[in-house]
Amino acid sequence: SCINCIRTLPYLKNWYNKYHKKGLVLIGIHSPEFDFERNLANVKKAVKRYGILYPVALDNQFATWRNFGNHYWPAHYLIDKKGKVVYIHYGEGEYDVTESNIRFLLGINDLAVPTAASGEPYSYSQTPETYLGYARADSNLGPKLIHNQTSQYTFPSELASNAWALQGAWQSEADKIVSAQANAALKIHFNARKIFIVMGNKTVKPILVKVLLNGEQLIANKGKDVKNSQVLVDKHSIYELVVFKQFASGILQVIPEEAGLEVYTFTFGN
C-alpha cells in the first residue's frame, strides 16, 4: 500500500525480465506498515495483482529490516557474488544508476546504456503523507483523537492547509480510523497533483465511499478507482482518488455509506 514502493515496481519487474537469465537474483522483502499487510493472503493477492514473478518474503517481525539497518520504504540493496552489499539506494529515483550497477556486477558490457527514467518530480509545497491512526497522526494537523473508542467529531469552520478533520462517529485506533456510522465524513485540505488513500473494511460486503472535491462530485479529475464520484472498497489496498493535470489545492471529502470503513493514510504525488 506504499505508493512510493508501488512506483518502483515497473523498474524492478523490467530488471528481472532483462537480467534474470544473466545472473540477477531479485528478492522482495515485504515489511508491513499496517496490520492488514501482515496477512499472508493479502500479500499473496497483492503479488498476483501487481504481476510480480520474483520471490517475496514476508518480514512481519522486521528481522531483515533490522539486520540491514533499514529505515525507509522503499530501499534497494545490490549484493555482489561474494555476499557483500555494494550499493544502496533509498526511496524512488536514480533508476539509471541502479541499472548501471546491476550491469556492472553482472559483467555486461555489450548492451545499450540504460536511459534515465523520467520520475515524477517532487514539490516541496506538496502535502506530506498523512497518517490517520493516533500512533502516527500529527496532532497539529488533525483533530484531537480519542484513543480506542468511538467518539463524535465535528468539522471546524475552516481547515488549514494540509490539515484534516472528521465529522460524525469514528473510532480511532493506533494505525487507522474506522467509521462507526453511515455517512460519517473525513476531509483534508490538500496541495498536490495526485491523491491516494489506503482503505479497507471490516464488513463482509464491499463499502461504497462517496468522494467530493470542493463540495462537488468528483468527475473531471477523478482517479482510476473512482466511478460516479464513488469508490468501491472491496479489499485492503491503496486507492487512487484524484489526478489533476497540474499541481492544485483544494478540499477532498470522503464519506462512507456504511459503518466499518477503515482509513489508514493519505499519500500524494506530483
C-alpha atoms as a PDB file:
ATOM      1  CA  SER A   1       0.000   0.000   0.000  1.00  0.00           C
ATOM      2  CA  CYS A   2       3.035   2.332  -0.088  1.00  0.00           C
ATOM      3  CA  ILE A   3       2.721   4.477  -3.220  1.00  0.00           C
ATOM      4  CA  ASN A   4       6.489   5.097  -3.272  1.00  0.00           C
ATOM      5  CA  CYS A   5       7.137   1.348  -3.337  1.00  0.00           C
ATOM      6  CA  ILE A   6       4.442   0.722  -5.941  1.00  0.00           C
ATOM      7  CA  ARG A   7       6.020   3.255  -8.295  1.00  0.00           C
ATOM      8  CA  THR A   8       9.295   1.288  -8.242  1.00  0.00           C
ATOM      9  CA  LEU A   9       7.648  -1.995  -9.309  1.00  0.00           C
ATOM     10  CA  PRO A  10       7.752  -1.399 -13.102  1.00  0.00           C
ATOM     11  CA  TYR A  11      11.528  -0.879 -12.888  1.00  0.00           C
ATOM     12  CA  LEU A  12      12.095  -3.932 -10.687  1.00  0.00           C
ATOM     13  CA  LYS A  13       9.992  -6.140 -12.940  1.00  0.00           C
ATOM     14  CA  ASN A  14      11.824  -4.823 -16.003  1.00  0.00           C
ATOM     15  CA  TRP A  15      15.234  -5.573 -14.478  1.00  0.00           C
ATOM     16  CA  TYR A  16      14.067  -9.044 -13.521  1.00  0.00           C
ATOM     17  CA  ASN A  17      12.915  -9.731 -17.087  1.00  0.00           C
ATOM     18  CA  LYS A  18      16.098  -8.321 -18.643  1.00  0.00           C
ATOM     19  CA  TYR A  19      18.751  -9.741 -16.351  1.00  0.00           C
ATOM     20  CA  HIS A  20      17.383 -12.775 -14.515  1.00  0.00           C
ATOM     21  CA  LYS A  21      18.756 -15.217 -17.075  1.00  0.00           C
ATOM     22  CA  LYS A  22      22.049 -13.357 -17.000  1.00  0.00           C
ATOM     23  CA  GLY A  23      22.535 -13.957 -13.271  1.00  0.00           C
ATOM     24  CA  LEU A  24      20.432 -11.362 -11.438  1.00  0.00           C
ATOM     25  CA  VAL A  25      18.616 -12.775  -8.419  1.00  0.00           C
ATOM     26  CA  LEU A  26      15.867 -10.441  -7.224  1.00  0.00           C
ATOM     27  CA  ILE A  27      14.239 -10.936  -3.812  1.00  0.00           C
ATOM     28  CA  GLY A  28      11.471  -8.699  -2.467  1.00  0.00           C
ATOM     29  CA  ILE A  29      11.202  -8.193   1.278  1.00  0.00           C
ATOM     30  CA  HIS A  30       7.730  -7.069   2.348  1.00  0.00           C
ATOM     31  CA  SER A  31       7.973  -5.228   5.691  1.00  0.00           C
ATOM     32  CA  PRO A  32       4.367  -4.339   6.589  1.00  0.00           C
ATOM     33  CA  GLU A  33       3.496  -0.766   7.520  1.00  0.00           C
ATOM     34  CA  PHE A  34      -0.073  -1.601   8.588  1.00  0.00           C
ATOM     35  CA  ASP A  35      -1.640  -4.620  10.298  1.00  0.00           C
ATOM     36  CA  PHE A  36      -3.564  -5.817   7.223  1.00  0.00           C
ATOM     37  CA  GLU A  37      -0.254  -6.048   5.354  1.00  0.00           C
ATOM     38  CA  ARG A  38       0.878  -8.773   7.771  1.00  0.00           C
ATOM     39  CA  ASN A  39      -1.802 -11.123   6.442  1.00  0.00           C
ATOM     40  CA  LEU A  40      -0.239 -13.705   4.128  1.00  0.00           C
ATOM     41  CA  ALA A  41      -3.371 -13.992   1.977  1.00  0.00           C
ATOM     42  CA  ASN A  42      -3.417 -10.206   1.415  1.00  0.00           C
ATOM     43  CA  VAL A  43       0.251 -10.221   0.418  1.00  0.00           C
ATOM     44  CA  LYS A  44      -0.261 -13.138  -1.998  1.00  0.00           C
ATOM     45  CA  LYS A  45      -3.159 -11.279  -3.637  1.00  0.00           C
ATOM     46  CA  ALA A  46      -1.055  -8.125  -3.998  1.00  0.00           C
ATOM     47  CA  VAL A  47       1.875 -10.041  -5.518  1.00  0.00           C
ATOM     48  CA  LYS A  48      -0.508 -11.558  -8.066  1.00  0.00           C
ATOM     49  CA  ARG A  49      -2.286  -8.245  -8.711  1.00  0.00           C
ATOM     50  CA  TYR A  50       0.981  -6.444  -9.485  1.00  0.00           C
ATOM     51  CA  GLY A  51       2.327  -9.300 -11.622  1.00  0.00           C
ATOM     52  CA  ILE A  52       5.444  -9.893  -9.505  1.00  0.00           C
ATOM     53  CA  LEU A  53       7.326 -13.019 -10.628  1.00  0.00           C
ATOM     54  CA  TYR A  54      10.338 -12.899  -8.306  1.00  0.00           C
ATOM     55  CA  PRO A  55      10.091 -14.332  -4.753  1.00  0.00           C
ATOM     56  CA  VAL A  56       8.738 -12.080  -1.987  1.00  0.00           C
ATOM     57  CA  ALA A  57       9.480 -12.739   1.687  1.00  0.00           C
ATOM     58  CA  LEU A  58       7.039 -11.582   4.359  1.00  0.00           C
ATOM     59  CA  ASP A  59       9.093  -9.932   7.131  1.00  0.00           C
ATOM     60  CA  ASN A  60       6.429  -9.464   9.806  1.00  0.00           C
ATOM     61  CA  GLN A  61       8.984  -9.317  12.628  1.00  0.00           C
ATOM     62  CA  PHE A  62      11.142  -6.793  10.702  1.00  0.00           C
ATOM     63  CA  ALA A  63      14.144  -9.116  11.136  1.00  0.00           C
ATOM     64  CA  THR A  64      15.607  -8.386   7.691  1.00  0.00           C
ATOM     65  CA  TRP A  65      14.707  -4.705   8.086  1.00  0.00           C
ATOM     66  CA  ARG A  66      16.742  -4.508  11.321  1.00  0.00           C
ATOM     67  CA  ASN A  67      19.615  -6.642  10.033  1.00  0.00           C
ATOM     68  CA  PHE A  68      20.095  -4.224   7.136  1.00  0.00           C
ATOM     69  CA  GLY A  69      19.699  -1.184   9.403  1.00  0.00           C
ATOM     70  CA  ASN A  70      16.899  -0.022   7.134  1.00  0.00           C
ATOM     71  CA  HIS A  71      14.623   2.955   7.823  1.00  0.00           C
ATOM     72  CA  TYR A  72      12.839   3.506   4.513  1.00  0.00           C
ATOM     73  CA  TRP A  73      10.082   2.308   2.177  1.00  0.00           C
ATOM     74  CA  PRO A  74      11.393   1.531  -0.418  1.00  0.00           C
ATOM     75  CA  ALA A  75      15.064   0.652  -0.077  1.00  0.00           C
ATOM     76  CA  HIS A  76      17.161  -1.151  -2.709  1.00  0.00           C
ATOM     77  CA  TYR A  77      20.323  -3.131  -1.949  1.00  0.00           C
ATOM     78  CA  LEU A  78      22.688  -4.624  -4.515  1.00  0.00           C
ATOM     79  CA  ILE A  79      24.697  -7.590  -3.237  1.00  0.00           C
ATOM     80  CA  ASP A  80      27.644  -8.991  -5.182  1.00  0.00           C
ATOM     81  CA  LYS A  81      28.513 -12.645  -5.760  1.00  0.00           C
ATOM     82  CA  LYS A  82      30.528 -12.724  -2.506  1.00  0.00           C
ATOM     83  CA  GLY A  83      27.517 -11.625  -0.480  1.00  0.00           C
ATOM     84  CA  LYS A  84      28.715  -8.084   0.141  1.00  0.00           C
ATOM     85  CA  VAL A  85      26.328  -5.130  -0.074  1.00  0.00           C
ATOM     86  CA  VAL A  86      27.956  -2.877  -2.662  1.00  0.00           C
ATOM     87  CA  TYR A  87      25.220  -0.338  -3.451  1.00  0.00           C
ATOM     88  CA  ILE A  88      22.250   1.099  -1.552  1.00  0.00           C
ATOM     89  CA  HIS A  89      19.540   3.471  -2.705  1.00  0.00           C
ATOM     90  CA  TYR A  90      16.680   4.747  -0.531  1.00  0.00           C
ATOM     91  CA  GLY A  91      13.412   5.942  -1.986  1.00  0.00           C
ATOM     92  CA  GLU A  92      12.449   6.440  -5.608  1.00  0.00           C
ATOM     93  CA  GLY A  93      14.616   7.660  -8.480  1.00  0.00           C
ATOM     94  CA  GLU A  94      18.149   7.049  -9.791  1.00  0.00           C
ATOM     95  CA  TYR A  95      16.885   4.012 -11.677  1.00  0.00           C
ATOM     96  CA  ASP A  96      19.524   4.506 -14.373  1.00  0.00           C
ATOM     97  CA  VAL A  97      22.299   4.437 -11.750  1.00  0.00           C
ATOM     98  CA  THR A  98      20.907   1.286 -10.148  1.00  0.00           C
ATOM     99  CA  GLU A  99      20.608  -0.460 -13.517  1.00  0.00           C
ATOM    100  CA  SER A 100      24.152   0.551 -14.472  1.00  0.00           C
ATOM    101  CA  ASN A 101      25.404  -1.005 -11.242  1.00  0.00           C
ATOM    102  CA  ILE A 102      23.429  -4.192 -11.926  1.00  0.00           C
ATOM    103  CA  ARG A 103      25.002  -4.427 -15.357  1.00  0.00           C
ATOM    104  CA  PHE A 104      28.489  -3.816 -13.963  1.00  0.00           C
ATOM    105  CA  LEU A 105      28.082  -6.527 -11.311  1.00  0.00           C
ATOM    106  CA  LEU A 106      26.868  -8.975 -13.969  1.00  0.00           C
ATOM    107  CA  GLY A 107      29.811  -8.125 -16.224  1.00  0.00           C
ATOM    108  CA  ILE A 108      27.549  -6.923 -19.020  1.00  0.00           C
ATOM    109  CA  ASN A 109      29.276  -4.515 -21.375  1.00  0.00           C
ATOM    110  CA  ASP A 110      27.608  -5.184 -24.720  1.00  0.00           C
ATOM    111  CA  LEU A 111      24.128  -3.799 -24.072  1.00  0.00           C
ATOM    112  CA  ALA A 112      22.904  -0.279 -24.719  1.00  0.00           C
ATOM    113  CA  VAL A 113      23.460   2.176 -21.910  1.00  0.00           C
ATOM    114  CA  PRO A 114      20.223   2.375 -19.906  1.00  0.00           C
ATOM    115  CA  THR A 115      18.356   5.640 -20.260  1.00  0.00           C
ATOM    116  CA  ALA A 116      17.340   7.672 -17.246  1.00  0.00           C
ATOM    117  CA  ALA A 117      13.698   7.203 -16.331  1.00  0.00           C
ATOM    118  CA  SER A 118      11.543  10.281 -16.096  1.00  0.00           C
ATOM    119  CA  GLY A 119      10.473  10.100 -12.469  1.00  0.00           C
ATOM    120  CA  GLU A 120       7.717  12.221 -11.028  1.00  0.00           C
ATOM    121  CA  PRO A 121       9.164  15.468  -9.643  1.00  0.00           C
ATOM    122  CA  TYR A 122       8.514  16.283  -6.001  1.00  0.00           C
ATOM    123  CA  SER A 123       7.075  19.652  -4.970  1.00  0.00           C
ATOM    124  CA  TYR A 124       8.164  20.998  -1.575  1.00  0.00           C
ATOM    125  CA  SER A 125       4.713  22.569  -1.133  1.00  0.00           C
ATOM    126  CA  GLN A 126       3.094  19.153  -1.569  1.00  0.00           C
ATOM    127  CA  THR A 127       1.049  17.822   1.347  1.00  0.00           C
ATOM    128  CA  PRO A 128       3.153  15.193   3.172  1.00  0.00           C
ATOM    129  CA  GLU A 129       1.903  11.669   3.794  1.00  0.00           C
ATOM    130  CA  THR A 130      -0.889  11.992   6.342  1.00  0.00           C
ATOM    131  CA  TYR A 131      -1.376   9.146   8.830  1.00  0.00           C
ATOM    132  CA  LEU A 132      -4.798   8.958  10.485  1.00  0.00           C
ATOM    133  CA  GLY A 133      -4.221   6.427  13.293  1.00  0.00           C
ATOM    134  CA  TYR A 134      -3.325   8.092  16.578  1.00  0.00           C
ATOM    135  CA  ALA A 135       0.117   6.434  16.822  1.00  0.00           C
ATOM    136  CA  ARG A 136       1.487   8.420  13.872  1.00  0.00           C
ATOM    137  CA  ALA A 137      -1.025  11.216  13.291  1.00  0.00           C
ATOM    138  CA  ASP A 138       0.320  14.785  13.510  1.00  0.00           C
ATOM    139  CA  SER A 139      -1.723  16.391  16.295  1.00  0.00           C
ATOM    140  CA  ASN A 140      -1.052  19.835  14.833  1.00  0.00           C
ATOM    141  CA  LEU A 141      -2.830  18.956  11.582  1.00  0.00           C
ATOM    142  CA  GLY A 142      -5.671  16.704  12.698  1.00  0.00           C
ATOM    143  CA  PRO A 143      -8.498  16.510  15.248  1.00  0.00           C
ATOM    144  CA  LYS A 144      -7.967  15.606  18.880  1.00  0.00           C
ATOM    145  CA  LEU A 145      -8.399  11.848  18.640  1.00  0.00           C
ATOM    146  CA  ILE A 146      -9.993   9.850  21.456  1.00  0.00           C
ATOM    147  CA  HIS A 147      -7.957   6.641  21.567  1.00  0.00           C
ATOM    148  CA  ASN A 148      -9.519   3.210  21.100  1.00  0.00           C
ATOM    149  CA  GLN A 149     -13.136   4.259  21.384  1.00  0.00           C
ATOM    150  CA  THR A 150     -15.949   5.588  19.243  1.00  0.00           C
ATOM    151  CA  SER A 151     -16.464   9.340  19.510  1.00  0.00           C
ATOM    152  CA  GLN A 152     -18.421  12.076  17.780  1.00  0.00           C
ATOM    153  CA  TYR A 153     -16.448  14.645  15.802  1.00  0.00           C
ATOM    154  CA  THR A 154     -17.406  17.924  14.121  1.00  0.00           C
ATOM    155  CA  PHE A 155     -15.787  19.661  11.156  1.00  0.00           C
ATOM    156  CA  PRO A 156     -14.189  23.015  12.039  1.00  0.00           C
ATOM    157  CA  SER A 157     -15.452  26.145  10.299  1.00  0.00           C
ATOM    158  CA  GLU A 158     -12.119  26.407   8.457  1.00  0.00           C
ATOM    159  CA  LEU A 159      -9.426  23.875   7.625  1.00  0.00           C
ATOM    160  CA  ALA A 160      -5.787  24.961   7.436  1.00  0.00           C
ATOM    161  CA  SER A 161      -3.542  23.880   4.584  1.00  0.00           C
ATOM    162  CA  ASN A 162      -2.506  20.187   4.921  1.00  0.00           C
ATOM    163  CA  ALA A 163      -4.914  19.704   7.850  1.00  0.00           C
ATOM    164  CA  TRP A 164      -7.652  17.070   8.097  1.00  0.00           C
ATOM    165  CA  ALA A 165     -10.859  16.692  10.118  1.00  0.00           C
ATOM    166  CA  LEU A 166     -13.690  14.296  10.959  1.00  0.00           C
ATOM    167  CA  GLN A 167     -17.488  14.560  11.102  1.00  0.00           C
ATOM    168  CA  GLY A 168     -19.803  12.092  12.827  1.00  0.00           C
ATOM    169  CA  ALA A 169     -18.915   8.901  14.693  1.00  0.00           C
ATOM    170  CA  TRP A 170     -15.424   7.475  14.209  1.00  0.00           C
ATOM    171  CA  GLN A 171     -13.289   5.043  16.190  1.00  0.00           C
ATOM    172  CA  SER A 172      -9.627   6.000  16.486  1.00  0.00           C
ATOM    173  CA  GLU A 173      -7.123   3.133  16.597  1.00  0.00           C
ATOM    174  CA  ALA A 174      -3.330   3.100  16.588  1.00  0.00           C
ATOM    175  CA  ASP A 175      -2.886   2.657  12.834  1.00  0.00           C
ATOM    176  CA  LYS A 176      -6.281   3.711  11.449  1.00  0.00           C
ATOM    177  CA  ILE A 177      -9.660   5.337  11.952  1.00  0.00           C
ATOM    178  CA  VAL A 178     -12.897   3.370  11.453  1.00  0.00           C
ATOM    179  CA  SER A 179     -16.281   4.833  10.517  1.00  0.00           C
ATOM    180  CA  ALA A 180     -18.814   3.992  13.241  1.00  0.00           C
ATOM    181  CA  GLN A 181     -21.910   5.169  11.368  1.00  0.00           C
ATOM    182  CA  ALA A 182     -23.182   5.591   7.842  1.00  0.00           C
ATOM    183  CA  ASN A 183     -22.196   8.876   6.186  1.00  0.00           C
ATOM    184  CA  ALA A 184     -19.537   9.769   8.731  1.00  0.00           C
ATOM    185  CA  ALA A 185     -17.116  12.050   6.878  1.00  0.00           C
ATOM    186  CA  LEU A 186     -13.411  12.746   6.555  1.00  0.00           C
ATOM    187  CA  LYS A 187     -11.887  15.713   4.752  1.00  0.00           C
ATOM    188  CA  ILE A 188      -8.413  17.058   4.048  1.00  0.00           C
ATOM    189  CA  HIS A 189      -7.072  20.367   2.719  1.00  0.00           C
ATOM    190  CA  PHE A 190      -4.521  19.124   0.173  1.00  0.00           C
ATOM    191  CA  ASN A 191      -1.787  20.568  -2.042  1.00  0.00           C
ATOM    192  CA  ALA A 192      -0.848  18.029  -4.720  1.00  0.00           C
ATOM    193  CA  ARG A 193      -1.459  16.782  -8.244  1.00  0.00           C
ATOM    194  CA  LYS A 194      -2.416  13.230  -7.264  1.00  0.00           C
ATOM    195  CA  ILE A 195      -4.179  11.941  -4.157  1.00  0.00           C
ATOM    196  CA  PHE A 196      -4.154   8.345  -2.917  1.00  0.00           C
ATOM    197  CA  ILE A 197      -5.762   6.804   0.152  1.00  0.00           C
ATOM    198  CA  VAL A 198      -5.198   3.470   1.900  1.00  0.00           C
ATOM    199  CA  MET A 199      -8.522   1.888   2.936  1.00  0.00           C
ATOM    200  CA  GLY A 200     -10.139  -1.410   3.833  1.00  0.00           C
ATOM    201  CA  ASN A 201     -13.296  -2.588   5.572  1.00  0.00           C
ATOM    202  CA  LYS A 202     -14.428  -4.774   8.441  1.00  0.00           C
ATOM    203  CA  THR A 203     -17.646  -5.843   6.745  1.00  0.00           C
ATOM    204  CA  VAL A 204     -18.324  -8.928   4.638  1.00  0.00           C
ATOM    205  CA  LYS A 205     -19.647  -6.927   1.701  1.00  0.00           C
ATOM    206  CA  PRO A 206     -17.860  -4.029  -0.042  1.00  0.00           C
ATOM    207  CA  ILE A 207     -18.483  -0.462   1.122  1.00  0.00           C
ATOM    208  CA  LEU A 208     -19.331   2.376  -1.254  1.00  0.00           C
ATOM    209  CA  VAL A 209     -17.490   5.579  -0.432  1.00  0.00           C
ATOM    210  CA  LYS A 210     -18.625   8.923  -1.821  1.00  0.00           C
ATOM    211  CA  VAL A 211     -15.839  11.313  -2.838  1.00  0.00           C
ATOM    212  CA  LEU A 212     -16.351  15.085  -3.105  1.00  0.00           C
ATOM    213  CA  LEU A 213     -13.910  17.697  -4.382  1.00  0.00           C
ATOM    214  CA  ASN A 214     -14.524  21.204  -3.038  1.00  0.00           C
ATOM    215  CA  GLY A 215     -18.052  20.152  -2.149  1.00  0.00           C
ATOM    216  CA  GLU A 216     -18.892  18.894  -5.643  1.00  0.00           C
ATOM    217  CA  GLN A 217     -18.986  15.446  -7.222  1.00  0.00           C
ATOM    218  CA  LEU A 218     -15.581  14.229  -8.372  1.00  0.00           C
ATOM    219  CA  ILE A 219     -15.931  13.881 -12.145  1.00  0.00           C
ATOM    220  CA  ALA A 220     -13.313  15.677 -14.264  1.00  0.00           C
ATOM    221  CA  ASN A 221     -10.248  14.945 -12.129  1.00  0.00           C
ATOM    222  CA  LYS A 222     -11.193  11.509 -10.830  1.00  0.00           C
ATOM    223  CA  GLY A 223      -8.546   8.866 -10.230  1.00  0.00           C
ATOM    224  CA  LYS A 224      -8.679   5.390 -11.734  1.00  0.00           C
ATOM    225  CA  ASP A 225     -10.509   3.921  -8.721  1.00  0.00           C
ATOM    226  CA  VAL A 226     -13.349   6.469  -8.771  1.00  0.00           C
ATOM    227  CA  LYS A 227     -16.592   5.855 -10.692  1.00  0.00           C
ATOM    228  CA  ASN A 228     -19.619   8.138 -10.479  1.00  0.00           C
ATOM    229  CA  SER A 229     -17.868  10.057  -7.699  1.00  0.00           C
ATOM    230  CA  GLN A 230     -17.646   6.854  -5.635  1.00  0.00           C
ATOM    231  CA  VAL A 231     -15.038   4.254  -4.700  1.00  0.00           C
ATOM    232  CA  LEU A 232     -15.941   0.624  -4.059  1.00  0.00           C
ATOM    233  CA  VAL A 233     -13.786  -0.569  -1.158  1.00  0.00           C
ATOM    234  CA  ASP A 234     -13.723  -4.357  -1.540  1.00  0.00           C
ATOM    235  CA  LYS A 235     -10.223  -5.036  -0.212  1.00  0.00           C
ATOM    236  CA  HIS A 236      -7.454  -3.525   1.877  1.00  0.00           C
ATOM    237  CA  SER A 237      -5.421  -1.572  -0.651  1.00  0.00           C
ATOM    238  CA  ILE A 238      -4.303   1.814  -1.891  1.00  0.00           C
ATOM    239  CA  TYR A 239      -6.882   3.681  -3.988  1.00  0.00           C
ATOM    240  CA  GLU A 240      -6.232   6.487  -6.461  1.00  0.00           C
ATOM    241  CA  LEU A 241      -8.785   9.256  -5.867  1.00  0.00           C
ATOM    242  CA  VAL A 242      -7.696  12.403  -7.700  1.00  0.00           C
ATOM    243  CA  VAL A 243      -5.460  13.202 -10.676  1.00  0.00           C
ATOM    244  CA  PHE A 244      -5.101  16.835 -11.781  1.00  0.00           C
ATOM    245  CA  LYS A 245      -3.331  17.948 -14.938  1.00  0.00           C
ATOM    246  CA  GLN A 246      -1.175  20.216 -12.804  1.00  0.00           C
ATOM    247  CA  PHE A 247      -0.459  20.923  -9.136  1.00  0.00           C
ATOM    248  CA  ALA A 248      -3.589  22.107  -7.284  1.00  0.00           C
ATOM    249  CA  SER A 249      -5.049  22.840  -3.856  1.00  0.00           C
ATOM    250  CA  GLY A 250      -8.494  22.079  -2.524  1.00  0.00           C
ATOM    251  CA  ILE A 251     -10.706  20.203  -0.069  1.00  0.00           C
ATOM    252  CA  LEU A 252     -11.258  16.475  -0.573  1.00  0.00           C
ATOM    253  CA  GLN A 253     -14.078  14.791   1.328  1.00  0.00           C
ATOM    254  CA  VAL A 254     -14.548  11.034   1.831  1.00  0.00           C
ATOM    255  CA  ILE A 255     -17.944   9.757   3.013  1.00  0.00           C
ATOM    256  CA  PRO A 256     -18.562   6.009   3.567  1.00  0.00           C
ATOM    257  CA  GLU A 257     -22.161   4.899   3.074  1.00  0.00           C
ATOM    258  CA  GLU A 258     -21.859   2.371   5.903  1.00  0.00           C
ATOM    259  CA  ALA A 259     -20.039   1.849   9.163  1.00  0.00           C
ATOM    260  CA  GLY A 260     -16.887  -0.262   9.101  1.00  0.00           C
ATOM    261  CA  LEU A 261     -14.678   1.653   6.656  1.00  0.00           C
ATOM    262  CA  GLU A 262     -11.025   1.565   7.749  1.00  0.00           C
ATOM    263  CA  VAL A 263      -8.859   4.501   6.663  1.00  0.00           C
ATOM    264  CA  TYR A 264      -5.110   4.400   7.251  1.00  0.00           C
ATOM    265  CA  THR A 265      -3.352   7.190   5.376  1.00  0.00           C
ATOM    266  CA  PHE A 266      -3.413   9.749   2.593  1.00  0.00           C
ATOM    267  CA  THR A 267      -0.430   9.854   0.237  1.00  0.00           C
ATOM    268  CA  PHE A 268       0.256  12.360  -2.501  1.00  0.00           C
ATOM    269  CA  GLY A 269       2.074  12.652  -5.828  1.00  0.00           C
ATOM    270  CA  ASN A 270       3.062  15.449  -8.182  1.00  0.00           C
END
